[in-house]
C-alpha atoms as a PDB file:
ATOM      1  CA  MET A   1       0.000   0.000   0.000  1.00  0.00           C
ATOM      2  CA  ALA A   2       1.265   3.485  -0.870  1.00  0.00           C
ATOM      3  CA  CYS A   3       0.446   6.315   1.513  1.00  0.00           C
ATOM      4  CA  SER A   4       1.581   9.389   3.446  1.00  0.00           C
ATOM      5  CA  ALA A   5       1.183   9.638   7.203  1.00  0.00           C
ATOM      6  CA  LEU A   6       1.721  11.514  10.449  1.00  0.00           C
ATOM      7  CA  TYR A   7       2.857   9.471  13.458  1.00  0.00           C
ATOM      8  CA  GLN A   8       2.420  11.439  16.685  1.00  0.00           C
ATOM      9  CA  LEU A   9       3.401  10.341  20.189  1.00  0.00           C
ATOM     10  CA  HIS A  10       1.504  11.542  23.274  1.00  0.00           C
ATOM     11  CA  LEU A  11       1.940  11.149  27.013  1.00  0.00           C
ATOM     12  CA  VAL A  12      -1.196   9.198  27.932  1.00  0.00           C
ATOM     13  CA  LYS A  13      -2.334   8.550  31.483  1.00  0.00           C
ATOM     14  CA  ALA A  14      -1.810   4.888  32.346  1.00  0.00           C
ATOM     15  CA  SER A  15      -5.290   4.758  33.889  1.00  0.00           C
ATOM     16  CA  THR A  16      -6.773   5.807  30.534  1.00  0.00           C
ATOM     17  CA  ALA A  17      -4.712   3.342  28.490  1.00  0.00           C
ATOM     18  CA  ARG A  18      -5.447   0.387  30.797  1.00  0.00           C
ATOM     19  CA  ALA A  19      -9.127   0.571  29.869  1.00  0.00           C
ATOM     20  CA  PHE A  20      -8.180  -0.765  26.414  1.00  0.00           C
ATOM     21  CA  VAL A  21      -5.320  -3.163  27.228  1.00  0.00           C
ATOM     22  CA  PRO A  22      -6.204  -6.828  27.984  1.00  0.00           C
ATOM     23  CA  ARG A  23      -5.453  -7.994  31.510  1.00  0.00           C
ATOM     24  CA  GLY A  24      -2.923 -10.527  30.223  1.00  0.00           C
ATOM     25  CA  LEU A  25      -0.599  -7.787  28.975  1.00  0.00           C
ATOM     26  CA  ARG A  26       1.571  -5.384  30.934  1.00  0.00           C
ATOM     27  CA  LEU A  27       1.386  -1.700  30.111  1.00  0.00           C
ATOM     28  CA  VAL A  28       4.783  -0.035  29.673  1.00  0.00           C
ATOM     29  CA  GLU A  29       4.530   2.981  31.960  1.00  0.00           C
ATOM     30  CA  ALA A  30       6.559   5.396  34.051  1.00  0.00           C
ATOM     31  CA  PHE A  31       5.294   7.887  36.647  1.00  0.00           C
ATOM     32  CA  GLY A  32       1.697   7.073  35.730  1.00  0.00           C
ATOM     33  CA  TYR A  33       2.049   7.622  31.966  1.00  0.00           C
ATOM     34  CA  THR A  34       2.577   5.534  28.836  1.00  0.00           C
ATOM     35  CA  LEU A  35       3.374   6.420  25.213  1.00  0.00           C
ATOM     36  CA  GLY A  36       0.276   6.563  23.051  1.00  0.00           C
ATOM     37  CA  GLY A  37      -0.868   8.930  20.350  1.00  0.00           C
ATOM     38  CA  MET A  38      -2.116   8.603  16.800  1.00  0.00           C
ATOM     39  CA  PHE A  39      -1.279   7.431  13.300  1.00  0.00           C
ATOM     40  CA  LEU A  40      -3.054   9.564  10.688  1.00  0.00           C
ATOM     41  CA  ALA A  41      -2.676   8.286   7.129  1.00  0.00           C
ATOM     42  CA  ARG A  42      -3.963   8.791   3.617  1.00  0.00           C
ATOM     43  CA  TYR A  43      -3.733   5.589   1.553  1.00  0.00           C
ATOM     44  CA  HIS A  44      -3.468   6.396  -2.142  1.00  0.00           C
ATOM     45  CA  ASP A  45      -3.295   2.782  -3.308  1.00  0.00           C
ATOM     46  CA  SER A  46      -4.577  -0.254  -1.392  1.00  0.00           C
ATOM     47  CA  PRO A  47      -6.735  -3.376  -1.932  1.00  0.00           C
ATOM     48  CA  ALA A  48      -9.629  -1.325  -0.489  1.00  0.00           C
ATOM     49  CA  GLY A  49      -8.906   1.633  -2.772  1.00  0.00           C
ATOM     50  CA  ALA A  50      -7.992   5.138  -1.595  1.00  0.00           C
ATOM     51  CA  PHE A  51      -9.055   5.983   1.963  1.00  0.00           C
ATOM     52  CA  ASP A  52      -8.129   7.887   5.136  1.00  0.00           C
ATOM     53  CA  GLU A  53      -7.306   6.286   8.478  1.00  0.00           C
ATOM     54  CA  LEU A  54      -6.889   7.479  12.046  1.00  0.00           C
ATOM     55  CA  VAL A  55      -5.449   4.968  14.503  1.00  0.00           C
ATOM     56  CA  VAL A  56      -5.786   6.045  18.141  1.00  0.00           C
ATOM     57  CA  ILE A  57      -2.913   4.392  20.036  1.00  0.00           C
ATOM     58  CA  ALA A  58      -3.771   3.760  23.688  1.00  0.00           C
ATOM     59  CA  GLY A  59      -0.235   2.900  24.771  1.00  0.00           C
ATOM     60  CA  ILE A  60       2.683   0.489  24.627  1.00  0.00           C
ATOM     61  CA  VAL A  61       2.415  -3.035  26.023  1.00  0.00           C
ATOM     62  CA  TRP A  62       5.218  -5.458  26.869  1.00  0.00           C
ATOM     63  CA  ASN A  63       5.787  -8.616  24.838  1.00  0.00           C
ATOM     64  CA  PRO A  64       9.175 -10.083  25.863  1.00  0.00           C
ATOM     65  CA  PRO A  65      11.605  -9.322  24.379  1.00  0.00           C
ATOM     66  CA  THR A  66       9.851  -6.461  22.554  1.00  0.00           C
ATOM     67  CA  SER A  67       7.119  -3.916  23.211  1.00  0.00           C
ATOM     68  CA  CYS A  68       4.117  -3.355  20.932  1.00  0.00           C
ATOM     69  CA  ALA A  69       1.478  -0.695  20.404  1.00  0.00           C
ATOM     70  CA  TRP A  70      -2.180  -1.266  21.286  1.00  0.00           C
ATOM     71  CA  ALA A  71      -4.871   0.474  19.218  1.00  0.00           C
ATOM     72  CA  ALA A  72      -7.774   1.938  21.168  1.00  0.00           C
ATOM     73  CA  ARG A  73      -9.851   2.782  18.091  1.00  0.00           C
ATOM     74  CA  VAL A  74      -9.415   2.818  14.310  1.00  0.00           C
ATOM     75  CA  LEU A  75     -11.405   5.191  12.083  1.00  0.00           C
ATOM     76  CA  VAL A  76     -11.558   4.772   8.289  1.00  0.00           C
ATOM     77  CA  ASN A  77     -13.735   6.293   5.568  1.00  0.00           C
ATOM     78  CA  SER A  78     -14.010   2.998   3.694  1.00  0.00           C
ATOM     79  CA  VAL A  79     -16.522   0.252   4.474  1.00  0.00           C
ATOM     80  CA  GLU A  80     -14.224  -2.356   2.915  1.00  0.00           C
ATOM     81  CA  ALA A  81     -11.197  -1.176   4.931  1.00  0.00           C
ATOM     82  CA  CYS A  82     -13.317  -1.269   8.098  1.00  0.00           C
ATOM     83  CA  ARG A  83     -14.461  -4.813   7.346  1.00  0.00           C
ATOM     84  CA  HIS A  84     -10.886  -5.946   6.657  1.00  0.00           C
ATOM     85  CA  GLY A  85      -9.623  -4.384   9.888  1.00  0.00           C
ATOM     86  CA  ARG A  86     -12.302  -6.098  11.966  1.00  0.00           C
ATOM     87  CA  LYS A  87     -12.474  -9.485  10.256  1.00  0.00           C
ATOM     88  CA  GLU A  88      -8.858 -10.044   9.192  1.00  0.00           C
ATOM     89  CA  VAL A  89      -6.700  -8.097  11.664  1.00  0.00           C
ATOM     90  CA  GLY A  90      -8.877  -7.998  14.782  1.00  0.00           C
ATOM     91  CA  LEU A  91      -8.855  -4.213  15.054  1.00  0.00           C
ATOM     92  CA  PRO A  92     -11.548  -2.034  16.694  1.00  0.00           C
ATOM     93  CA  SER A  93     -12.351  -0.438  13.322  1.00  0.00           C
ATOM     94  CA  HIS A  94     -15.232   1.973  12.721  1.00  0.00           C
ATOM     95  CA  VAL A  95     -16.460   3.889   9.684  1.00  0.00           C
ATOM     96  CA  ALA A  96     -15.986   7.656   9.827  1.00  0.00           C
ATOM     97  CA  THR A  97     -16.021  10.747   7.643  1.00  0.00           C
ATOM     98  CA  PHE A  98     -12.906  12.883   7.141  1.00  0.00           C
ATOM     99  CA  SER A  99     -13.874  16.437   6.132  1.00  0.00           C
ATOM    100  CA  LYS A 100     -10.802  18.376   4.972  1.00  0.00           C
ATOM    101  CA  THR A 101     -10.347  22.087   4.417  1.00  0.00           C
ATOM    102  CA  GLU A 102      -7.371  24.381   3.964  1.00  0.00           C
ATOM    103  CA  ALA A 103      -7.364  27.664   5.835  1.00  0.00           C
ATOM    104  CA  SER A 104      -5.029  30.533   6.618  1.00  0.00           C
ATOM    105  CA  ALA A 105      -4.472  31.497  10.249  1.00  0.00           C
ATOM    106  CA  LEU A 106      -2.858  34.691  11.463  1.00  0.00           C
ATOM    107  CA  GLY A 107       0.181  34.477  13.710  1.00  0.00           C
ATOM    108  CA  ASN A 108       2.542  37.115  15.066  1.00  0.00           C
ATOM    109  CA  LYS A 109       5.976  37.600  13.500  1.00  0.00           C
ATOM    110  CA  PRO A 110       8.488  39.919  15.249  1.00  0.00           C
ATOM    111  CA  LEU A 111       9.641  42.990  13.329  1.00  0.00           C
ATOM    112  CA  VAL A 112      12.926  42.951  15.273  1.00  0.00           C
ATOM    113  CA  GLU A 113      15.569  40.273  15.739  1.00  0.00           C
ATOM    114  CA  SER A 114      15.025  37.892  18.650  1.00  0.00           C
ATOM    115  CA  ASN A 115      18.254  38.992  20.366  1.00  0.00           C
ATOM    116  CA  SER A 116      17.587  42.718  20.146  1.00  0.00           C
ATOM    117  CA  PHE A 117      17.085  44.922  23.191  1.00  0.00           C
ATOM    118  CA  LEU A 118      13.350  45.399  22.572  1.00  0.00           C
ATOM    119  CA  SER A 119      12.796  41.683  22.221  1.00  0.00           C
ATOM    120  CA  VAL A 120      14.536  41.055  25.526  1.00  0.00           C
ATOM    121  CA  LEU A 121      12.109  43.496  27.136  1.00  0.00           C
ATOM    122  CA  GLY A 122       9.219  41.741  25.438  1.00  0.00           C
ATOM    123  CA  ILE A 123       7.986  44.863  23.635  1.00  0.00           C
ATOM    124  CA  GLY A 124       9.210  44.218  20.111  1.00  0.00           C
ATOM    125  CA  SER A 125       6.750  45.136  17.362  1.00  0.00           C
ATOM    126  CA  THR A 126       4.979  42.353  15.529  1.00  0.00           C
ATOM    127  CA  VAL A 127       3.204  41.959  12.225  1.00  0.00           C
ATOM    128  CA  PRO A 128       0.573  39.393  11.296  1.00  0.00           C
ATOM    129  CA  LYS A 129       1.926  36.327   9.497  1.00  0.00           C
ATOM    130  CA  GLN A 130      -0.357  34.022   7.570  1.00  0.00           C
ATOM    131  CA  GLU A 131       0.093  30.286   8.063  1.00  0.00           C
ATOM    132  CA  SER A 132      -1.673  27.807   5.810  1.00  0.00           C
ATOM    133  CA  ARG A 133      -3.151  24.868   7.692  1.00  0.00           C
ATOM    134  CA  ARG A 134      -5.090  21.736   6.864  1.00  0.00           C
ATOM    135  CA  GLU A 135      -8.133  21.195   9.051  1.00  0.00           C
ATOM    136  CA  ILE A 136      -9.647  17.711   9.330  1.00  0.00           C
ATOM    137  CA  GLU A 137     -12.972  17.100  11.054  1.00  0.00           C
ATOM    138  CA  ILE A 138     -13.511  13.418  11.890  1.00  0.00           C
ATOM    139  CA  CYS A 139     -17.010  12.119  12.618  1.00  0.00           C
ATOM    140  CA  GLU A 140     -17.827   8.500  13.409  1.00  0.00           C
ATOM    141  CA  THR A 141     -20.832   7.100  11.550  1.00  0.00           C
ATOM    142  CA  LYS A 142     -23.092   4.196  12.448  1.00  0.00           C
ATOM    143  CA  GLY A 143     -26.100   3.651  10.238  1.00  0.00           C
ATOM    144  CA  SER A 144     -27.819   6.998   9.837  1.00  0.00           C
ATOM    145  CA  SER A 145     -26.285   8.521  12.988  1.00  0.00           C
ATOM    146  CA  THR A 146     -23.105  10.605  13.084  1.00  0.00           C
ATOM    147  CA  LYS A 147     -21.035  11.573  16.119  1.00  0.00           C
ATOM    148  CA  HIS A 148     -18.244  14.140  16.101  1.00  0.00           C
ATOM    149  CA  LEU A 149     -14.947  12.676  17.336  1.00  0.00           C
ATOM    150  CA  CYS A 150     -12.293  15.376  16.950  1.00  0.00           C
ATOM    151  CA  ASN A 151     -10.709  18.081  14.821  1.00  0.00           C
ATOM    152  CA  ILE A 152      -7.082  17.911  13.717  1.00  0.00           C
ATOM    153  CA  SER A 153      -5.136  20.935  12.463  1.00  0.00           C
ATOM    154  CA  MET A 154      -1.740  20.657  10.763  1.00  0.00           C
ATOM    155  CA  PRO A 155       0.468  23.345   9.184  1.00  0.00           C
ATOM    156  CA  LEU A 156       0.997  22.861   5.454  1.00  0.00           C
ATOM    157  CA  THR A 157       4.773  22.955   5.653  1.00  0.00           C
ATOM    158  CA  GLY A 158       5.495  19.485   4.303  1.00  0.00           C
ATOM    159  CA  SER A 159       7.932  18.637   1.530  1.00  0.00           C
ATOM    160  CA  HIS A 160       5.043  18.304  -0.927  1.00  0.00           C
ATOM    161  CA  ARG A 161       4.335  22.044  -0.573  1.00  0.00           C
ATOM    162  CA  HIS A 162       7.678  23.778  -0.055  1.00  0.00           C
ATOM    163  CA  HIS A 163      10.073  21.148  -1.459  1.00  0.00           C
ATOM    164  CA  LYS A 164      11.891  20.880   1.842  1.00  0.00           C
ATOM    165  CA  TRP A 165      14.180  18.080   2.893  1.00  0.00           C
ATOM    166  CA  MET A 166      12.144  14.873   2.975  1.00  0.00           C
ATOM    167  CA  GLY A 167      14.343  13.074   5.490  1.00  0.00           C
ATOM    168  CA  PRO A 168      16.309   9.836   5.165  1.00  0.00           C
ATOM    169  CA  ALA A 169      14.903   6.710   3.534  1.00  0.00           C
ATOM    170  CA  ILE A 170      14.337   3.979   6.131  1.00  0.00           C
ATOM    171  CA  ARG A 171      12.906   0.498   6.515  1.00  0.00           C
ATOM    172  CA  MET A 172      11.315  -0.618   9.758  1.00  0.00           C
ATOM    173  CA  SER A 173       8.812  -2.992  11.304  1.00  0.00           C
ATOM    174  CA  LEU A 174       6.020  -1.640  13.523  1.00  0.00           C
ATOM    175  CA  PRO A 175       4.643  -4.466  15.716  1.00  0.00           C
ATOM    176  CA  SER A 176       1.188  -4.199  17.249  1.00  0.00           C
ATOM    177  CA  PHE A 177      -1.233  -6.273  19.288  1.00  0.00           C
ATOM    178  CA  SER A 178      -4.880  -6.651  18.294  1.00  0.00           C
ATOM    179  CA  GLY A 179      -7.792  -9.011  18.804  1.00  0.00           C
ATOM    180  CA  GLN A 180      -9.972  -9.745  21.837  1.00  0.00           C
ATOM    181  CA  THR A 181     -12.914  -8.342  19.897  1.00  0.00           C
ATOM    182  CA  GLU A 182     -16.274  -9.813  18.946  1.00  0.00           C
ATOM    183  CA  ASP A 183     -14.838 -10.910  15.589  1.00  0.00           C
ATOM    184  CA  HIS A 184     -11.490 -12.109  17.015  1.00  0.00           C
ATOM    185  CA  PRO A 185     -11.704 -13.206  20.689  1.00  0.00           C
ATOM    186  CA  ASP A 186      -8.066 -14.412  20.581  1.00  0.00           C
ATOM    187  CA  LEU A 187      -5.141 -12.116  21.270  1.00  0.00           C
ATOM    188  CA  LEU A 188      -3.275 -11.381  18.013  1.00  0.00           C
ATOM    189  CA  LYS A 189       0.033  -9.857  17.014  1.00  0.00           C
ATOM    190  CA  TYR A 190       0.858  -8.420  13.596  1.00  0.00           C
ATOM    191  CA  SER A 191       3.564  -6.211  12.082  1.00  0.00           C
ATOM    192  CA  CYS A 192       3.535  -3.444   9.492  1.00  0.00           C
ATOM    193  CA  GLN A 193       6.599  -3.539   7.230  1.00  0.00           C
ATOM    194  CA  VAL A 194       7.325   0.065   6.291  1.00  0.00           C
ATOM    195  CA  GLU A 195       9.565   1.737   3.707  1.00  0.00           C
ATOM    196  CA  CYS A 196       9.472   5.529   3.695  1.00  0.00           C
ATOM    197  CA  ARG A 197      11.217   8.845   4.129  1.00  0.00           C
ATOM    198  CA  VAL A 198      10.800  10.257   7.616  1.00  0.00           C
ATOM    199  CA  ARG A 199      11.437  13.621   9.249  1.00  0.00           C
ATOM    200  CA  PRO A 200      10.381  15.331  12.491  1.00  0.00           C
ATOM    201  CA  VAL A 201       7.592  17.900  12.218  1.00  0.00           C
ATOM    202  CA  LYS A 202       5.578  20.121  14.520  1.00  0.00           C
ATOM    203  CA  PRO A 203       2.820  18.105  16.270  1.00  0.00           C
ATOM    204  CA  ALA A 204      -0.709  18.526  14.986  1.00  0.00           C
ATOM    205  CA  ARG A 205      -3.254  20.338  17.136  1.00  0.00           C
ATOM    206  CA  ILE A 206      -6.216  18.193  18.218  1.00  0.00           C
ATOM    207  CA  TRP A 207      -9.382  19.352  19.935  1.00  0.00           C
ATOM    208  CA  ASN A 208     -12.950  18.384  20.718  1.00  0.00           C
ATOM    209  CA  PRO A 209     -15.066  21.338  21.889  1.00  0.00           C
ATOM    210  CA  THR A 210     -17.891  19.062  23.089  1.00  0.00           C
ATOM    211  CA  THR A 211     -15.768  16.914  25.436  1.00  0.00           C
ATOM    212  CA  THR A 212     -17.206  16.651  28.942  1.00  0.00           C
ATOM    213  CA  GLU A 213     -16.008  14.976  32.133  1.00  0.00           C
ATOM    214  CA  LEU A 214     -15.498  11.282  31.382  1.00  0.00           C
ATOM    215  CA  GLN A 215     -17.303   8.651  33.417  1.00  0.00           C
ATOM    216  CA  GLU A 216     -15.457   5.383  34.096  1.00  0.00           C
ATOM    217  CA  CYS A 217     -17.122   2.000  33.817  1.00  0.00           C
ATOM    218  CA  SER A 218     -17.457   0.131  37.087  1.00  0.00           C
ATOM    219  CA  ASP A 219     -14.383  -2.032  36.439  1.00  0.00           C
ATOM    220  CA  GLY A 220     -12.432   0.585  34.501  1.00  0.00           C
ATOM    221  CA  LYS A 221     -12.201  -1.779  31.519  1.00  0.00           C
ATOM    222  CA  ILE A 222     -13.640  -1.894  28.031  1.00  0.00           C
ATOM    223  CA  ASN A 223     -14.877  -5.371  27.142  1.00  0.00           C
ATOM    224  CA  SER A 224     -14.857  -5.355  23.343  1.00  0.00           C
ATOM    225  CA  ALA A 225     -15.942  -8.975  23.023  1.00  0.00           C
ATOM    226  CA  GLY A 226     -19.244  -8.250  24.772  1.00  0.00           C
ATOM    227  CA  SER A 227     -19.637  -4.615  23.841  1.00  0.00           C
ATOM    228  CA  ASN A 228     -22.949  -2.802  23.991  1.00  0.00           C
ATOM    229  CA  THR A 229     -23.995   0.767  23.310  1.00  0.00           C
ATOM    230  CA  LEU A 230     -22.822   1.990  26.728  1.00  0.00           C
ATOM    231  CA  ALA A 231     -19.428   0.268  26.498  1.00  0.00           C
ATOM    232  CA  ASP A 232     -18.858   1.561  22.964  1.00  0.00           C
ATOM    233  CA  SER A 233     -19.774   5.098  23.998  1.00  0.00           C
ATOM    234  CA  TYR A 234     -17.280   4.846  26.870  1.00  0.00           C
ATOM    235  CA  ALA A 235     -14.591   3.497  24.513  1.00  0.00           C
ATOM    236  CA  GLN A 236     -15.185   6.413  22.167  1.00  0.00           C
ATOM    237  CA  SER A 237     -14.937   8.913  25.034  1.00  0.00           C
ATOM    238  CA  GLN A 238     -11.693   7.361  26.279  1.00  0.00           C
ATOM    239  CA  SER A 239     -10.301   7.439  22.736  1.00  0.00           C
ATOM    240  CA  ILE A 240     -10.950  11.177  22.662  1.00  0.00           C
ATOM    241  CA  SER A 241      -9.103  11.438  25.977  1.00  0.00           C
ATOM    242  CA  VAL A 242      -6.082   9.725  24.383  1.00  0.00           C
ATOM    243  CA  LEU A 243      -6.142  12.153  21.447  1.00  0.00           C
ATOM    244  CA  LEU A 244      -6.384  15.175  23.758  1.00  0.00           C
ATOM    245  CA  SER A 245      -3.381  14.084  25.838  1.00  0.00           C
ATOM    246  CA  LYS A 246      -0.086  15.985  25.625  1.00  0.00           C
ATOM    247  CA  PRO A 247       1.799  15.550  22.309  1.00  0.00           C
ATOM    248  CA  ILE A 248       5.576  15.248  22.641  1.00  0.00           C
ATOM    249  CA  PHE A 249       6.881  14.275  19.201  1.00  0.00           C
ATOM    250  CA  ALA A 250       5.674  13.904  15.616  1.00  0.00           C
ATOM    251  CA  LEU A 251       7.095  12.293  12.476  1.00  0.00           C
ATOM    252  CA  GLU A 252       6.015  12.828   8.888  1.00  0.00           C
ATOM    253  CA  PHE A 253       6.159   9.729   6.683  1.00  0.00           C
ATOM    254  CA  SER A 254       6.338  10.417   2.942  1.00  0.00           C
ATOM    255  CA  SER A 255       6.847   8.161  -0.092  1.00  0.00           C
ATOM    256  CA  LEU A 256       5.540   5.472   2.251  1.00  0.00           C
ATOM    257  CA  ARG A 257       4.962   1.885   1.197  1.00  0.00           C
ATOM    258  CA  MET A 258       3.452  -0.496   3.744  1.00  0.00           C
ATOM    259  CA  HIS A 259       2.814  -4.224   3.922  1.00  0.00           C
ATOM    260  CA  VAL A 260       0.758  -5.690   6.785  1.00  0.00           C
ATOM    261  CA  ASP A 261       1.753  -9.214   7.800  1.00  0.00           C
ATOM    262  CA  ALA A 262      -0.947 -11.762   8.601  1.00  0.00           C
ATOM    263  CA  PRO A 263      -1.766 -11.719  12.351  1.00  0.00           C
ATOM    264  CA  LYS A 264      -0.592 -14.556  14.609  1.00  0.00           C
ATOM    265  CA  ILE A 265      -2.431 -15.843  17.664  1.00  0.00           C
ATOM    266  CA  VAL A 266      -0.720 -14.980  20.952  1.00  0.00           C
ATOM    267  CA  VAL A 267      -1.373 -16.789  24.245  1.00  0.00           C
ATOM    268  CA  PRO A 268      -1.195 -14.463  27.282  1.00  0.00           C
ATOM    269  CA  HIS A 269       0.345 -15.845  30.484  1.00  0.00           C
ATOM    270  CA  CYS A 270      -1.278 -13.620  33.081  1.00  0.00           C
ATOM    271  CA  LYS A 271       0.429 -15.085  36.145  1.00  0.00           C
ATOM    272  CA  LYS A 272       3.917 -14.664  34.707  1.00  0.00           C
ATOM    273  CA  GLU A 273       3.044 -11.228  33.317  1.00  0.00           C
ATOM    274  CA  GLU A 274       4.442 -12.198  29.955  1.00  0.00           C
ATOM    275  CA  VAL A 275       3.082 -13.524  26.686  1.00  0.00           C
ATOM    276  CA  GLY A 276       4.154 -16.362  24.430  1.00  0.00           C
ATOM    277  CA  TYR A 277       3.170 -17.657  21.015  1.00  0.00           C
ATOM    278  CA  SER A 278       0.836 -20.574  20.543  1.00  0.00           C
ATOM    279  CA  SER A 279       2.100 -23.547  18.567  1.00  0.00           C
ATOM    280  CA  THR A 280      -0.777 -23.312  16.112  1.00  0.00           C
END
């Protein structure tokens, strides 16, 4: 599959991430936080055709001797891609709309150099500076109903617009856990084989103006295998909480080609707090 993507890491509260992670897996955390975030991609060529995808990453879980990401929610604007994610990969995929616009926002640009006397005093003159941004509104759809999930705003400063340095060409494998859903009750592990150019960029801005205080389920867990309307609503709210957590780093993937390996069944060993592969 050919695509372009933004991979953004956030500091996510461990208590939020644990709601998505199966009990048989250990969350990688420090001082009450884990590394989560999002993977926002536009697939130009895939078996399901062209589509957009937002993967909400709850956190990192430990699979000796490696650690893997756990997806809290996957949004795609393709029914076929949603079906494939659920049936073939065991992902919590949902159909959504991605409404994109380009807008210019005004910022302040100093008229004087940053090391000048006036700047030191904080009274340097400024002039408005226009910054072109891409705004994406993502709404989850189910039947005839639509629910707003979030808005994402990114500056249009990528190599495709200003012919900037695209970063080095790399190859890497991105392992992830999935499964324990209604379609795939088993725990699964799969890897995305990636070839791309990568460079650091400014993190995207994410917001949801309708977010209210989140209510936890009685056991603090989301049981995907036996989900109902209440559990799914809670999962959606917690996914928003992951997206609104503090961003710390972002990478732009361009000229990206991706191959997703077939998932393998993983057997969790809860008592030993480690996981191992089944022989089948």
